[in-house]
Amino acid sequence: MNEHANFYSIPKYLDQGNIIMGFPADEVIPALIVFGVLSVAGYMLTGMFVAVVIAVGLRTIKQGKGNNFLRLAAYWFSPASLSKSVFKHTPPPCDKYWLN
């Protein structure tokens, strides 16, 4: 009977992003990738340390700038060829001047 109470998941805020292990996905995913690569190479303790440094660094960079800061920075400052392949539904950043 309790399954019906947990059926719908309503976020606290409408703009709440994806959360992995209690942290925002854009902080955890790069740290997990670095940890995975270094642990496969046999440097698990070093990978753990570098992953924590990356996660804390990304959190520090994002502090006070909003949840989408890293994605927006990647869009505006990436090369046009990379932007066209990753951000398919938006104009390339080289065309940003016509948006005035």
N, C-alpha and C. Protein backbone atom coordinates (compact mmCIF):
# COMPACT_ATOMS: atom_id res chain seq x y z
N MET A 1 0.81 -1.20 0.00
CA MET A 1 0.00 0.00 0.00
C MET A 1 0.85 1.26 0.00
N ASN A 2 2.00 1.19 0.60
CA ASN A 2 2.87 2.36 0.66
C ASN A 2 3.52 2.68 -0.68
N GLU A 3 3.44 1.76 -1.63
CA GLU A 3 4.07 1.98 -2.93
C GLU A 3 3.42 3.16 -3.65
N HIS A 4 2.15 3.38 -3.45
CA HIS A 4 1.47 4.49 -4.12
C HIS A 4 1.95 5.84 -3.59
N ALA A 5 2.36 5.89 -2.35
CA ALA A 5 2.85 7.15 -1.78
C ALA A 5 4.19 7.53 -2.37
N ASN A 6 5.00 6.55 -2.75
CA ASN A 6 6.32 6.81 -3.31
C ASN A 6 6.34 6.78 -4.83
N PHE A 7 5.17 6.63 -5.47
CA PHE A 7 5.11 6.49 -6.92
C PHE A 7 5.55 7.76 -7.63
N TYR A 8 5.09 8.90 -7.16
CA TYR A 8 5.43 10.17 -7.80
C TYR A 8 6.58 10.82 -7.05
N SER A 9 7.57 11.25 -7.79
CA SER A 9 8.71 11.95 -7.20
C SER A 9 8.62 13.41 -7.61
N ILE A 10 8.33 14.28 -6.69
CA ILE A 10 8.19 15.70 -6.97
C ILE A 10 9.44 16.42 -6.48
N PRO A 11 10.18 17.08 -7.39
CA PRO A 11 11.38 17.79 -6.94
C PRO A 11 11.02 18.99 -6.08
N LYS A 12 11.94 19.37 -5.23
CA LYS A 12 11.71 20.51 -4.35
C LYS A 12 11.64 21.80 -5.16
N TYR A 13 12.46 21.89 -6.20
CA TYR A 13 12.46 23.05 -7.09
C TYR A 13 12.32 22.53 -8.51
N LEU A 14 11.72 23.31 -9.39
CA LEU A 14 11.53 22.88 -10.77
C LEU A 14 12.83 22.83 -11.55
N ASP A 15 13.80 23.66 -11.17
CA ASP A 15 15.06 23.68 -11.90
C ASP A 15 16.15 22.84 -11.23
N GLN A 16 15.76 21.92 -10.36
CA GLN A 16 16.73 21.06 -9.68
C GLN A 16 17.34 20.11 -10.70
N GLY A 17 18.66 20.06 -10.76
CA GLY A 17 19.36 19.23 -11.72
C GLY A 17 19.47 17.79 -11.26
N ASN A 18 20.19 17.02 -12.06
CA ASN A 18 20.41 15.61 -11.73
C ASN A 18 21.35 15.50 -10.54
N ILE A 19 21.03 14.59 -9.65
CA ILE A 19 21.84 14.39 -8.45
C ILE A 19 22.32 12.95 -8.41
N ILE A 20 23.62 12.77 -8.20
CA ILE A 20 24.23 11.45 -8.08
C ILE A 20 24.92 11.40 -6.72
N MET A 21 24.55 10.43 -5.91
CA MET A 21 25.13 10.25 -4.57
C MET A 21 25.01 11.51 -3.72
N GLY A 22 23.96 12.29 -3.92
CA GLY A 22 23.73 13.47 -3.12
C GLY A 22 24.43 14.72 -3.61
N PHE A 23 25.18 14.62 -4.69
CA PHE A 23 25.91 15.76 -5.24
C PHE A 23 25.44 16.03 -6.66
N PRO A 24 25.59 17.26 -7.16
CA PRO A 24 25.21 17.55 -8.54
C PRO A 24 26.01 16.71 -9.53
N ALA A 25 25.35 16.29 -10.59
CA ALA A 25 25.98 15.39 -11.56
C ALA A 25 27.18 16.02 -12.24
N ASP A 26 27.16 17.34 -12.48
CA ASP A 26 28.29 17.95 -13.18
C ASP A 26 29.53 18.09 -12.29
N GLU A 27 29.42 17.79 -11.01
CA GLU A 27 30.60 17.72 -10.14
C GLU A 27 31.07 16.29 -9.97
N VAL A 28 30.13 15.35 -9.95
CA VAL A 28 30.48 13.96 -9.66
C VAL A 28 31.01 13.22 -10.89
N ILE A 29 30.42 13.46 -12.05
CA ILE A 29 30.80 12.70 -13.24
C ILE A 29 32.27 12.89 -13.61
N PRO A 30 32.82 14.13 -13.67
CA PRO A 30 34.26 14.24 -13.97
C PRO A 30 35.13 13.57 -12.91
N ALA A 31 34.74 13.66 -11.66
CA ALA A 31 35.52 13.02 -10.59
C ALA A 31 35.48 11.50 -10.73
N LEU A 32 34.33 10.94 -11.06
CA LEU A 32 34.24 9.49 -11.23
C LEU A 32 35.03 9.01 -12.44
N ILE A 33 35.04 9.80 -13.51
CA ILE A 33 35.81 9.43 -14.70
C ILE A 33 37.29 9.40 -14.37
N VAL A 34 37.79 10.44 -13.71
CA VAL A 34 39.21 10.48 -13.34
C VAL A 34 39.54 9.34 -12.38
N PHE A 35 38.69 9.11 -11.40
CA PHE A 35 38.92 8.02 -10.46
C PHE A 35 38.93 6.67 -11.18
N GLY A 36 38.01 6.47 -12.10
CA GLY A 36 37.96 5.21 -12.85
C GLY A 36 39.20 4.97 -13.69
N VAL A 37 39.64 6.02 -14.39
CA VAL A 37 40.83 5.88 -15.24
C VAL A 37 42.06 5.58 -14.41
N LEU A 38 42.24 6.32 -13.32
CA LEU A 38 43.42 6.10 -12.49
C LEU A 38 43.36 4.79 -11.72
N SER A 39 42.18 4.33 -11.35
CA SER A 39 42.10 3.05 -10.65
C SER A 39 42.36 1.88 -11.60
N VAL A 40 41.93 2.00 -12.86
CA VAL A 40 42.24 0.97 -13.85
C VAL A 40 43.75 0.93 -14.11
N ALA A 41 44.39 2.09 -14.07
CA ALA A 41 45.83 2.16 -14.28
C ALA A 41 46.62 1.70 -13.05
N GLY A 42 45.93 1.43 -11.94
CA GLY A 42 46.60 0.92 -10.76
C GLY A 42 46.93 1.96 -9.71
N TYR A 43 46.40 3.16 -9.86
CA TYR A 43 46.66 4.25 -8.92
C TYR A 43 45.37 4.64 -8.20
N MET A 44 44.81 3.71 -7.44
CA MET A 44 43.50 3.94 -6.83
C MET A 44 43.53 5.05 -5.79
N LEU A 45 44.53 5.06 -4.92
CA LEU A 45 44.60 6.09 -3.88
C LEU A 45 44.84 7.47 -4.49
N THR A 46 45.73 7.53 -5.49
CA THR A 46 45.97 8.79 -6.19
C THR A 46 44.70 9.24 -6.92
N GLY A 47 44.00 8.29 -7.53
CA GLY A 47 42.75 8.61 -8.21
C GLY A 47 41.70 9.15 -7.27
N MET A 48 41.63 8.59 -6.07
CA MET A 48 40.68 9.09 -5.08
C MET A 48 41.01 10.53 -4.69
N PHE A 49 42.29 10.80 -4.46
CA PHE A 49 42.72 12.14 -4.07
C PHE A 49 42.45 13.14 -5.19
N VAL A 50 42.81 12.79 -6.42
CA VAL A 50 42.60 13.70 -7.56
C VAL A 50 41.10 13.91 -7.80
N ALA A 51 40.29 12.87 -7.64
CA ALA A 51 38.84 13.00 -7.83
C ALA A 51 38.23 13.94 -6.80
N VAL A 52 38.68 13.85 -5.56
CA VAL A 52 38.18 14.76 -4.52
C VAL A 52 38.60 16.18 -4.82
N VAL A 53 39.84 16.37 -5.27
CA VAL A 53 40.32 17.72 -5.62
C VAL A 53 39.49 18.29 -6.78
N ILE A 54 39.19 17.47 -7.77
CA ILE A 54 38.39 17.93 -8.91
C ILE A 54 36.97 18.29 -8.46
N ALA A 55 36.35 17.45 -7.65
CA ALA A 55 34.99 17.72 -7.19
C ALA A 55 34.93 18.99 -6.35
N VAL A 56 35.89 19.17 -5.45
CA VAL A 56 35.91 20.38 -4.62
C VAL A 56 36.22 21.60 -5.48
N GLY A 57 37.12 21.45 -6.44
CA GLY A 57 37.44 22.56 -7.34
C GLY A 57 36.24 23.00 -8.18
N LEU A 58 35.51 22.03 -8.72
CA LEU A 58 34.32 22.37 -9.50
C LEU A 58 33.25 23.02 -8.62
N ARG A 59 33.11 22.54 -7.40
CA ARG A 59 32.14 23.15 -6.48
C ARG A 59 32.54 24.59 -6.15
N THR A 60 33.85 24.83 -6.00
CA THR A 60 34.34 26.18 -5.71
C THR A 60 34.12 27.11 -6.90
N ILE A 61 34.35 26.60 -8.10
CA ILE A 61 34.13 27.41 -9.31
C ILE A 61 32.66 27.76 -9.45
N LYS A 62 31.77 26.82 -9.17
CA LYS A 62 30.33 27.04 -9.33
C LYS A 62 29.72 27.88 -8.22
N GLN A 63 30.42 28.07 -7.13
CA GLN A 63 29.85 28.73 -5.96
C GLN A 63 29.37 30.14 -6.29
N GLY A 64 28.10 30.41 -6.08
CA GLY A 64 27.52 31.72 -6.30
C GLY A 64 27.18 32.03 -7.74
N LYS A 65 27.36 31.06 -8.66
CA LYS A 65 27.11 31.32 -10.07
C LYS A 65 25.93 30.55 -10.64
N GLY A 66 25.29 29.72 -9.87
CA GLY A 66 24.13 28.98 -10.35
C GLY A 66 24.49 27.57 -10.76
N ASN A 67 23.44 26.76 -10.95
CA ASN A 67 23.64 25.34 -11.25
C ASN A 67 24.13 25.08 -12.66
N ASN A 68 23.77 25.92 -13.62
CA ASN A 68 24.12 25.67 -15.01
C ASN A 68 25.38 26.39 -15.45
N PHE A 69 26.17 26.88 -14.52
CA PHE A 69 27.34 27.68 -14.88
C PHE A 69 28.34 26.89 -15.72
N LEU A 70 28.63 25.66 -15.37
CA LEU A 70 29.63 24.89 -16.11
C LEU A 70 29.15 24.57 -17.52
N ARG A 71 27.87 24.22 -17.68
CA ARG A 71 27.35 23.96 -19.02
C ARG A 71 27.34 25.21 -19.88
N LEU A 72 26.96 26.34 -19.30
CA LEU A 72 26.96 27.58 -20.06
C LEU A 72 28.37 28.01 -20.43
N ALA A 73 29.33 27.85 -19.52
CA ALA A 73 30.72 28.18 -19.83
C ALA A 73 31.26 27.27 -20.92
N ALA A 74 30.90 25.98 -20.87
CA ALA A 74 31.33 25.06 -21.92
C ALA A 74 30.73 25.45 -23.26
N TYR A 75 29.51 25.93 -23.27
CA TYR A 75 28.88 26.36 -24.52
C TYR A 75 29.55 27.61 -25.09
N TRP A 76 29.74 28.64 -24.27
CA TRP A 76 30.23 29.91 -24.78
C TRP A 76 31.71 29.90 -25.10
N PHE A 77 32.50 29.10 -24.40
CA PHE A 77 33.95 29.16 -24.59
C PHE A 77 34.52 27.97 -25.33
N SER A 78 33.69 27.05 -25.80
CA SER A 78 34.20 25.90 -26.56
C SER A 78 34.34 26.28 -28.03
N PRO A 79 35.20 25.55 -28.76
CA PRO A 79 35.31 25.79 -30.20
C PRO A 79 33.99 25.47 -30.91
N ALA A 80 33.78 26.09 -32.05
CA ALA A 80 32.51 25.93 -32.76
C ALA A 80 32.27 24.48 -33.19
N SER A 81 33.33 23.77 -33.58
CA SER A 81 33.15 22.39 -34.03
C SER A 81 32.68 21.49 -32.88
N LEU A 82 33.23 21.69 -31.70
CA LEU A 82 32.81 20.90 -30.54
C LEU A 82 31.40 21.30 -30.11
N SER A 83 31.11 22.58 -30.18
CA SER A 83 29.80 23.06 -29.77
C SER A 83 28.70 22.52 -30.68
N LYS A 84 28.98 22.41 -31.98
CA LYS A 84 27.98 21.89 -32.91
C LYS A 84 27.67 20.42 -32.65
N SER A 85 28.66 19.67 -32.20
CA SER A 85 28.42 18.24 -31.97
C SER A 85 27.78 17.98 -30.60
N VAL A 86 28.06 18.80 -29.61
CA VAL A 86 27.53 18.57 -28.26
C VAL A 86 26.18 19.27 -28.08
N PHE A 87 26.10 20.54 -28.44
CA PHE A 87 24.87 21.33 -28.29
C PHE A 87 24.19 21.42 -29.65
N LYS A 88 23.40 20.40 -29.99
CA LYS A 88 22.85 20.30 -31.34
C LYS A 88 21.65 21.21 -31.58
N HIS A 89 20.94 21.59 -30.53
CA HIS A 89 19.71 22.37 -30.69
C HIS A 89 19.90 23.86 -30.45
N THR A 90 21.13 24.31 -30.36
CA THR A 90 21.42 25.73 -30.13
C THR A 90 22.36 26.22 -31.22
N PRO A 91 22.36 27.51 -31.51
CA PRO A 91 23.30 28.02 -32.51
C PRO A 91 24.72 27.95 -31.97
N PRO A 92 25.72 27.84 -32.87
CA PRO A 92 27.10 27.80 -32.40
C PRO A 92 27.49 29.12 -31.73
N PRO A 93 28.45 29.09 -30.83
CA PRO A 93 28.81 30.30 -30.09
C PRO A 93 29.40 31.39 -30.98
N CYS A 94 29.90 31.03 -32.17
CA CYS A 94 30.43 32.07 -33.05
C CYS A 94 29.31 32.94 -33.61
N ASP A 95 28.06 32.47 -33.57
CA ASP A 95 26.91 33.25 -34.03
C ASP A 95 26.21 33.98 -32.90
N LYS A 96 26.85 34.10 -31.75
CA LYS A 96 26.20 34.68 -30.58
C LYS A 96 25.95 36.18 -30.71
N TYR A 97 26.62 36.83 -31.62
CA TYR A 97 26.48 38.28 -31.73
C TYR A 97 25.17 38.70 -32.37
N TRP A 98 24.50 37.80 -33.08
CA TRP A 98 23.22 38.16 -33.67
C TRP A 98 22.09 38.08 -32.65
N LEU A 99 22.38 37.61 -31.44
CA LEU A 99 21.35 37.47 -30.42
C LEU A 99 21.03 38.77 -29.69
N ASN A 100 21.66 39.87 -30.04
CA ASN A 100 21.43 41.14 -29.34
C ASN A 100 20.02 41.49 -29.41
